[in-house]
Amino acid sequence: MVSAYILIHAEVGRAAEVAEAARRIEGVESAEDVTGPYDVIVRAQASDVDQLGRLVVAQIQAIEGIDRTLTCPVVHL
């Protein structure tokens, strides 16, 4: 399994809507509104890196109200 945090910059006033839409996507473990340089942080899990990429590009980035994302895969050192 591969886990990642997806940091989302949303359009002004749309963070709650983006987080709610993200929570409905299979593979998303949590989606929280936050303050700071990003508006929403999503924790997601997929079977492998390719599946994670498809989850981010095809589903998360397709949410209306997202300006950009930054995906941070979890590593176990």
Protein backbone atom coordinates (compact mmCIF):
# COMPACT_ATOMS: atom_id res chain seq x y z
CA MET A 1 0.00 0.00 0.00
CA VAL A 2 1.06 3.57 -0.70
CA SER A 3 -0.18 6.50 1.38
CA ALA A 4 0.14 10.18 0.59
CA TYR A 5 -0.89 13.59 1.76
CA ILE A 6 -2.36 15.76 -0.98
CA LEU A 7 -2.07 19.47 -0.21
CA ILE A 8 -4.77 21.42 -2.00
CA HIS A 9 -4.99 25.11 -2.82
CA ALA A 10 -8.67 25.85 -3.43
CA GLU A 11 -10.47 28.81 -4.96
CA VAL A 12 -11.41 31.47 -2.42
CA GLY A 13 -14.36 30.37 -0.28
CA ARG A 14 -14.48 26.80 -1.61
CA ALA A 15 -12.30 24.87 0.85
CA ALA A 16 -15.19 23.24 2.74
CA GLU A 17 -16.87 22.22 -0.52
CA VAL A 18 -13.61 20.76 -1.88
CA ALA A 19 -12.95 18.82 1.35
CA GLU A 20 -16.48 17.40 1.36
CA ALA A 21 -16.16 16.27 -2.28
CA ALA A 22 -12.77 14.68 -1.57
CA ARG A 23 -14.18 12.70 1.37
CA ARG A 24 -16.58 10.94 -1.00
CA ILE A 25 -13.75 9.54 -3.17
CA GLU A 26 -12.76 5.93 -2.63
CA GLY A 27 -9.21 5.76 -1.34
CA VAL A 28 -9.45 9.04 0.58
CA GLU A 29 -9.00 8.35 4.29
CA SER A 30 -9.55 11.94 5.44
CA ALA A 31 -9.93 15.46 4.07
CA GLU A 32 -9.61 18.42 6.39
CA ASP A 33 -9.96 22.19 5.92
CA VAL A 34 -6.83 23.89 7.25
CA THR A 35 -5.35 27.37 7.48
CA GLY A 36 -2.02 28.42 6.02
CA PRO A 37 -0.63 28.18 2.49
CA TYR A 38 -2.98 25.29 1.64
CA ASP A 39 -6.73 25.11 2.18
CA VAL A 40 -7.37 21.35 2.37
CA ILE A 41 -5.15 18.41 3.29
CA VAL A 42 -6.21 14.97 2.10
CA ARG A 43 -4.75 11.67 3.25
CA ALA A 44 -5.20 8.99 0.62
CA GLN A 45 -4.19 5.39 0.17
CA ALA A 46 -3.78 3.26 -2.96
CA SER A 47 -2.43 -0.15 -3.84
CA ASP A 48 0.62 1.25 -5.67
CA VAL A 49 2.15 4.49 -6.94
CA ASP A 50 0.42 4.25 -10.32
CA GLN A 51 -2.98 3.83 -8.69
CA LEU A 52 -2.20 6.77 -6.40
CA GLY A 53 -1.37 8.89 -9.44
CA ARG A 54 -4.66 7.95 -11.09
CA LEU A 55 -6.54 8.78 -7.88
CA VAL A 56 -4.96 12.22 -7.69
CA VAL A 57 -5.12 13.17 -11.37
CA ALA A 58 -8.42 11.61 -12.42
CA GLN A 59 -10.46 12.12 -9.27
CA ILE A 60 -9.05 14.62 -6.79
CA GLN A 61 -7.82 17.17 -9.33
CA ALA A 62 -11.17 16.89 -11.09
CA ILE A 63 -12.99 18.37 -8.08
CA GLU A 64 -14.43 21.73 -9.00
CA GLY A 65 -12.86 24.56 -7.01
CA ILE A 66 -9.28 23.24 -6.89
CA ASP A 67 -6.54 25.53 -8.21
CA ARG A 68 -3.59 23.19 -7.68
CA THR A 69 -2.36 20.20 -5.68
CA LEU A 70 0.90 18.95 -4.24
CA THR A 71 1.18 15.22 -3.56
CA CYS A 72 3.51 14.09 -0.76
CA PRO A 73 3.93 10.29 -0.62
CA VAL A 74 4.56 8.83 2.82
CA VAL A 75 7.94 7.08 3.19
CA HIS A 76 9.03 4.71 5.91
CA LEU A 77 12.71 5.28 6.71
